Amino acid sequence: MIKPASAAVRGLLLALAVLGLVLPWWFNLRYFAGGGGVAPDAFFGAAFANALTTAITLDVYLAALAFSIGVALDRDAGARRWWAVPITFFVGLSFALPGYLWWRSGPRRG
């Protein structure tokens, strides 16, 4: 069970979630504006273009999978916890993870 966190810790988690939304999506939008797409050939071609992007892609997707398993196992959070799984894969782990920790570290909801 996660205990409520201090206001400073919750503020840091919220700031990290905002940065995790804004910074990656700045580059995602630049990718799309430059003609990039989400079709498998284009997307995975770019994601696995070289050893560095392959390492980063695998790192993020494996971490996202582990985080999703953690959300599934976090039954103390109740049924409302499931928002984090689609957000992880459709928005980004760097937003979903600190956002989930911020949500879980707040006061208990009824």
Protein backbone atom coordinates (compact mmCIF):
# COMPACT_ATOMS: atom_id res chain seq x y z
CA MET A 1 0.00 0.00 0.00
CA ILE A 2 1.35 3.40 -0.93
CA LYS A 3 1.10 5.97 1.82
CA PRO A 4 0.15 9.58 1.06
CA ALA A 5 3.27 11.55 0.12
CA SER A 6 4.32 15.02 1.12
CA ALA A 7 3.19 17.98 -0.95
CA ALA A 8 6.79 18.42 -2.18
CA VAL A 9 7.03 14.84 -3.44
CA ARG A 10 3.61 15.02 -5.06
CA GLY A 11 4.57 18.32 -6.70
CA LEU A 12 7.76 16.76 -8.08
CA LEU A 13 5.83 13.77 -9.44
CA LEU A 14 3.28 16.07 -11.06
CA ALA A 15 6.05 18.19 -12.60
CA LEU A 16 7.72 15.05 -13.97
CA ALA A 17 4.40 13.89 -15.44
CA VAL A 18 3.91 17.26 -17.17
CA LEU A 19 7.47 17.16 -18.52
CA GLY A 20 6.91 13.54 -19.55
CA LEU A 21 3.91 14.66 -21.57
CA VAL A 22 5.29 17.87 -23.11
CA LEU A 23 8.88 16.96 -23.99
CA PRO A 24 8.37 13.64 -25.80
CA TRP A 25 5.28 14.94 -27.59
CA TRP A 26 7.20 17.98 -28.81
CA PHE A 27 9.46 15.56 -30.67
CA ASN A 28 6.57 13.28 -31.68
CA LEU A 29 4.84 16.23 -33.31
CA ARG A 30 8.07 17.18 -35.09
CA TYR A 31 8.33 13.57 -36.34
CA PHE A 32 4.77 13.68 -37.68
CA ALA A 33 5.26 17.15 -39.19
CA GLY A 34 8.31 15.82 -41.02
CA GLY A 35 6.25 13.12 -42.68
CA GLY A 36 6.62 10.37 -40.09
CA GLY A 37 3.70 8.10 -39.44
CA VAL A 38 2.41 5.33 -37.24
CA ALA A 39 2.14 2.74 -40.00
CA PRO A 40 4.24 -0.22 -38.87
CA ASP A 41 6.87 0.09 -41.62
CA ALA A 42 7.49 3.80 -41.01
CA PHE A 43 7.21 3.72 -37.23
CA PHE A 44 9.27 0.64 -36.50
CA GLY A 45 11.74 1.55 -39.23
CA ALA A 46 12.44 4.79 -37.36
CA ALA A 47 12.28 3.20 -33.89
CA PHE A 48 14.85 0.54 -34.85
CA ALA A 49 16.90 2.66 -37.29
CA ASN A 50 20.21 2.08 -35.51
CA ALA A 51 21.66 0.48 -32.39
CA LEU A 52 20.94 3.52 -30.19
CA THR A 53 17.28 3.92 -31.19
CA THR A 54 16.83 0.14 -30.90
CA ALA A 55 18.22 0.19 -27.35
CA ILE A 56 16.01 3.14 -26.34
CA THR A 57 12.92 1.60 -27.95
CA LEU A 58 13.43 -1.76 -26.27
CA ASP A 59 14.22 -0.09 -22.93
CA VAL A 60 11.02 1.97 -22.99
CA TYR A 61 8.74 -0.83 -24.21
CA LEU A 62 10.07 -3.34 -21.68
CA ALA A 63 9.73 -0.77 -18.88
CA ALA A 64 6.18 0.03 -20.08
CA LEU A 65 5.30 -3.67 -20.00
CA ALA A 66 6.74 -4.06 -16.48
CA PHE A 67 4.87 -0.94 -15.32
CA SER A 68 1.63 -2.29 -16.80
CA ILE A 69 2.10 -5.57 -14.93
CA GLY A 70 2.70 -3.55 -11.75
CA VAL A 71 -0.54 -1.63 -12.32
CA ALA A 72 -2.39 -4.91 -12.84
CA LEU A 73 -1.00 -6.26 -9.57
CA ASP A 74 -1.73 -3.06 -7.61
CA ARG A 75 -5.16 -4.19 -6.47
CA ASP A 76 -5.10 -1.76 -3.53
CA ALA A 77 -5.62 1.01 -6.10
CA GLY A 78 -9.01 -0.38 -7.09
CA ALA A 79 -10.57 -0.71 -10.52
CA ARG A 80 -9.88 2.92 -11.40
CA ARG A 81 -6.15 2.11 -11.73
CA TRP A 82 -6.60 0.78 -15.26
CA TRP A 83 -6.41 4.26 -16.81
CA ALA A 84 -2.62 3.96 -16.58
CA VAL A 85 -2.22 1.05 -19.01
CA PRO A 86 -3.63 2.62 -22.20
CA ILE A 87 -2.07 5.98 -21.28
CA THR A 88 1.30 4.21 -21.05
CA PHE A 89 1.13 2.91 -24.62
CA PHE A 90 -0.84 5.70 -26.32
CA VAL A 91 0.64 8.77 -24.60
CA GLY A 92 3.89 7.59 -23.05
CA LEU A 93 5.55 5.92 -20.10
CA SER A 94 7.29 9.15 -19.07
CA PHE A 95 3.82 10.64 -18.45
CA ALA A 96 1.98 7.56 -17.15
CA LEU A 97 4.54 6.42 -14.57
CA PRO A 98 4.96 9.66 -12.59
CA GLY A 99 1.25 10.40 -13.14
CA TYR A 100 0.32 7.04 -11.63
CA LEU A 101 2.68 7.54 -8.69
CA TRP A 102 1.22 11.02 -8.14
CA TRP A 103 -2.30 9.57 -8.25
CA ARG A 104 -1.42 6.69 -5.89
CA SER A 105 0.46 8.90 -3.43
CA GLY A 106 -2.51 11.19 -2.84
CA PRO A 107 -5.18 10.95 -0.20
CA ARG A 108 -7.25 7.78 -0.23
CA ARG A 109 -10.44 8.06 -2.18
CA GLY A 110 -13.62 6.30 -1.12
